């Protein structure tokens, strides 16, 4: 599967998975001048900034793809989002990473890492 299609299909699966886990999706693919966040959701009153990494079964480790540089970028976008939408940065928030894997059988699986890195 091509990486763009894998990414889009993985994000669609991620929305379903997170809804089953009790997340309330607020926004998908939030873009601003500093970058993009895949998903913004609420989980028991906590605003969650979620990076979705999709891979094929024999591909790279999804969690390793969110390196320090990517974390820094996500933090910048999250701060912009909080100021834009809440008009404050004083909001309980966390950063989650959702690894989505396409198996050889063509089914998606997910692994959620809550509070993957600090603010």
C-alpha atoms as a PDB file:
ATOM      1  CA  UNK A   1       0.000   0.000   0.000  1.00  0.00           C
ATOM      2  CA  UNK A   2       1.325   3.446  -0.809  1.00  0.00           C
ATOM      3  CA  UNK A   3       2.362   5.484   2.198  1.00  0.00           C
ATOM      4  CA  UNK A   4      -0.138   8.335   1.575  1.00  0.00           C
ATOM      5  CA  UNK A   5      -3.062   5.902   1.341  1.00  0.00           C
ATOM      6  CA  UNK A   6      -1.760   3.975   4.343  1.00  0.00           C
ATOM      7  CA  UNK A   7      -1.607   7.227   6.322  1.00  0.00           C
ATOM      8  CA  UNK A   8      -5.139   8.288   5.385  1.00  0.00           C
ATOM      9  CA  UNK A   9      -6.595   4.823   6.026  1.00  0.00           C
ATOM     10  CA  UNK A  10      -4.639   4.638   9.286  1.00  0.00           C
ATOM     11  CA  UNK A  11      -6.050   7.975  10.458  1.00  0.00           C
ATOM     12  CA  UNK A  12      -9.593   6.835   9.615  1.00  0.00           C
ATOM     13  CA  UNK A  13      -9.007   3.678  11.673  1.00  0.00           C
ATOM     14  CA  UNK A  14      -7.510   5.832  14.447  1.00  0.00           C
ATOM     15  CA  UNK A  15     -10.718   7.881  14.698  1.00  0.00           C
ATOM     16  CA  UNK A  16     -12.779   4.718  15.146  1.00  0.00           C
ATOM     17  CA  UNK A  17     -10.313   3.221  17.620  1.00  0.00           C
ATOM     18  CA  UNK A  18     -10.151   6.354  19.772  1.00  0.00           C
ATOM     19  CA  UNK A  19     -13.945   6.668  19.831  1.00  0.00           C
ATOM     20  CA  UNK A  20     -14.153   3.078  21.122  1.00  0.00           C
ATOM     21  CA  UNK A  21     -11.585   4.011  23.792  1.00  0.00           C
ATOM     22  CA  UNK A  22     -13.841   6.853  24.974  1.00  0.00           C
ATOM     23  CA  UNK A  23     -12.052   9.795  23.382  1.00  0.00           C
ATOM     24  CA  UNK A  24     -14.169  12.675  22.111  1.00  0.00           C
ATOM     25  CA  UNK A  25     -12.602  13.920  18.886  1.00  0.00           C
ATOM     26  CA  UNK A  26     -12.491  17.719  18.782  1.00  0.00           C
ATOM     27  CA  UNK A  27     -10.538  18.279  15.594  1.00  0.00           C
ATOM     28  CA  UNK A  28      -8.654  16.363  12.929  1.00  0.00           C
ATOM     29  CA  UNK A  29      -5.623  17.652  11.031  1.00  0.00           C
ATOM     30  CA  UNK A  30      -5.396  20.991  12.826  1.00  0.00           C
ATOM     31  CA  UNK A  31      -3.082  23.249  10.837  1.00  0.00           C
ATOM     32  CA  UNK A  32      -1.544  26.547  11.787  1.00  0.00           C
ATOM     33  CA  UNK A  33       1.496  28.569  10.805  1.00  0.00           C
ATOM     34  CA  UNK A  34       3.757  26.422  13.017  1.00  0.00           C
ATOM     35  CA  UNK A  35       2.651  23.019  11.718  1.00  0.00           C
ATOM     36  CA  UNK A  36      -0.023  20.352  12.085  1.00  0.00           C
ATOM     37  CA  UNK A  37      -1.416  17.997  14.710  1.00  0.00           C
ATOM     38  CA  UNK A  38      -3.159  14.845  13.510  1.00  0.00           C
ATOM     39  CA  UNK A  39      -5.918  14.752  16.126  1.00  0.00           C
ATOM     40  CA  UNK A  40      -7.103  16.808  19.065  1.00  0.00           C
ATOM     41  CA  UNK A  41      -9.454  15.029  21.453  1.00  0.00           C
ATOM     42  CA  UNK A  42     -10.719  15.015  25.009  1.00  0.00           C
ATOM     43  CA  UNK A  43     -10.225  12.092  27.352  1.00  0.00           C
ATOM     44  CA  UNK A  44     -11.933  12.521  30.721  1.00  0.00           C
ATOM     45  CA  UNK A  45     -11.521  16.309  30.634  1.00  0.00           C
ATOM     46  CA  UNK A  46      -7.920  16.245  29.397  1.00  0.00           C
ATOM     47  CA  UNK A  47      -7.136  17.821  26.026  1.00  0.00           C
ATOM     48  CA  UNK A  48      -5.088  15.274  24.082  1.00  0.00           C
ATOM     49  CA  UNK A  49      -2.857  16.079  21.144  1.00  0.00           C
ATOM     50  CA  UNK A  50      -2.505  12.828  19.248  1.00  0.00           C
ATOM     51  CA  UNK A  51       0.128  11.973  16.683  1.00  0.00           C
ATOM     52  CA  UNK A  52      -0.926   9.042  14.507  1.00  0.00           C
ATOM     53  CA  UNK A  53       1.816   6.959  12.903  1.00  0.00           C
ATOM     54  CA  UNK A  54       0.757   4.269  10.475  1.00  0.00           C
ATOM     55  CA  UNK A  55       2.994   1.505   9.216  1.00  0.00           C
ATOM     56  CA  UNK A  56       2.843  -1.818   7.493  1.00  0.00           C
ATOM     57  CA  UNK A  57       3.547  -4.921   9.535  1.00  0.00           C
ATOM     58  CA  UNK A  58       7.168  -5.126   8.478  1.00  0.00           C
ATOM     59  CA  UNK A  59       7.754  -1.357   8.626  1.00  0.00           C
ATOM     60  CA  UNK A  60       9.533   0.923  11.073  1.00  0.00           C
ATOM     61  CA  UNK A  61       8.514   1.364  14.693  1.00  0.00           C
ATOM     62  CA  UNK A  62       5.758   3.982  14.850  1.00  0.00           C
ATOM     63  CA  UNK A  63       6.786   5.269  18.269  1.00  0.00           C
ATOM     64  CA  UNK A  64      10.406   5.797  17.300  1.00  0.00           C
ATOM     65  CA  UNK A  65       9.215   8.071  14.487  1.00  0.00           C
ATOM     66  CA  UNK A  66       8.139  10.654  17.061  1.00  0.00           C
ATOM     67  CA  UNK A  67      11.650  11.804  17.872  1.00  0.00           C
ATOM     68  CA  UNK A  68      12.669  14.887  19.883  1.00  0.00           C
ATOM     69  CA  UNK A  69      12.451  17.154  16.843  1.00  0.00           C
ATOM     70  CA  UNK A  70       8.904  15.953  16.080  1.00  0.00           C
ATOM     71  CA  UNK A  71       7.939  16.287  19.749  1.00  0.00           C
ATOM     72  CA  UNK A  72       9.178  19.885  19.801  1.00  0.00           C
ATOM     73  CA  UNK A  73       7.114  20.664  16.691  1.00  0.00           C
ATOM     74  CA  UNK A  74       3.996  19.062  18.173  1.00  0.00           C
ATOM     75  CA  UNK A  75       4.448  21.078  21.381  1.00  0.00           C
ATOM     76  CA  UNK A  76       4.663  24.315  19.364  1.00  0.00           C
ATOM     77  CA  UNK A  77       1.470  23.526  17.464  1.00  0.00           C
ATOM     78  CA  UNK A  78      -0.289  22.476  20.683  1.00  0.00           C
ATOM     79  CA  UNK A  79       0.575  25.788  22.350  1.00  0.00           C
ATOM     80  CA  UNK A  80      -0.714  27.665  19.312  1.00  0.00           C
ATOM     81  CA  UNK A  81      -3.905  25.562  19.410  1.00  0.00           C
ATOM     82  CA  UNK A  82      -4.520  26.249  23.106  1.00  0.00           C
ATOM     83  CA  UNK A  83      -4.062  29.984  22.643  1.00  0.00           C
ATOM     84  CA  UNK A  84      -6.202  29.965  19.487  1.00  0.00           C
ATOM     85  CA  UNK A  85      -9.090  27.877  20.826  1.00  0.00           C
ATOM     86  CA  UNK A  86      -8.973  28.378  24.615  1.00  0.00           C
ATOM     87  CA  UNK A  87      -7.234  31.784  24.731  1.00  0.00           C
ATOM     88  CA  UNK A  88      -4.927  30.419  27.423  1.00  0.00           C
ATOM     89  CA  UNK A  89      -2.211  27.825  27.772  1.00  0.00           C
ATOM     90  CA  UNK A  90      -3.458  26.951  31.264  1.00  0.00           C
ATOM     91  CA  UNK A  91      -5.319  23.806  30.182  1.00  0.00           C
ATOM     92  CA  UNK A  92      -4.801  20.229  31.350  1.00  0.00           C
ATOM     93  CA  UNK A  93      -3.282  18.578  28.294  1.00  0.00           C
ATOM     94  CA  UNK A  94      -1.155  15.643  27.253  1.00  0.00           C
ATOM     95  CA  UNK A  95       0.509  14.181  24.187  1.00  0.00           C
ATOM     96  CA  UNK A  96      -0.466  10.713  22.997  1.00  0.00           C
ATOM     97  CA  UNK A  97       0.987   8.680  20.152  1.00  0.00           C
ATOM     98  CA  UNK A  98      -1.137   6.138  18.350  1.00  0.00           C
ATOM     99  CA  UNK A  99       0.676   3.516  16.340  1.00  0.00           C
ATOM    100  CA  UNK A 100      -1.503   1.970  13.655  1.00  0.00           C
ATOM    101  CA  UNK A 101      -0.280  -1.165  11.930  1.00  0.00           C
ATOM    102  CA  UNK A 102      -1.590  -2.792   8.778  1.00  0.00           C
ATOM    103  CA  UNK A 103      -1.169  -6.555   9.078  1.00  0.00           C
ATOM    104  CA  UNK A 104      -0.347  -8.908   6.228  1.00  0.00           C
ATOM    105  CA  UNK A 105      -3.979  -9.997   6.337  1.00  0.00           C
ATOM    106  CA  UNK A 106      -5.064  -6.422   5.581  1.00  0.00           C
ATOM    107  CA  UNK A 107      -6.505  -5.589   9.002  1.00  0.00           C
ATOM    108  CA  UNK A 108      -5.524  -2.606  11.123  1.00  0.00           C
ATOM    109  CA  UNK A 109      -4.308  -2.895  14.716  1.00  0.00           C
ATOM    110  CA  UNK A 110      -3.582  -0.050  17.104  1.00  0.00           C
ATOM    111  CA  UNK A 111      -1.322   0.578  20.050  1.00  0.00           C
ATOM    112  CA  UNK A 112      -1.913   3.715  22.112  1.00  0.00           C
ATOM    113  CA  UNK A 113       0.810   5.331  24.157  1.00  0.00           C
ATOM    114  CA  UNK A 114      -0.810   7.841  26.507  1.00  0.00           C
ATOM    115  CA  UNK A 115       1.276  10.728  27.825  1.00  0.00           C
ATOM    116  CA  UNK A 116       4.036   9.763  25.403  1.00  0.00           C
ATOM    117  CA  UNK A 117       6.109  12.838  26.177  1.00  0.00           C
ATOM    118  CA  UNK A 118       5.789  15.753  28.558  1.00  0.00           C
ATOM    119  CA  UNK A 119       5.021  19.370  27.969  1.00  0.00           C
END
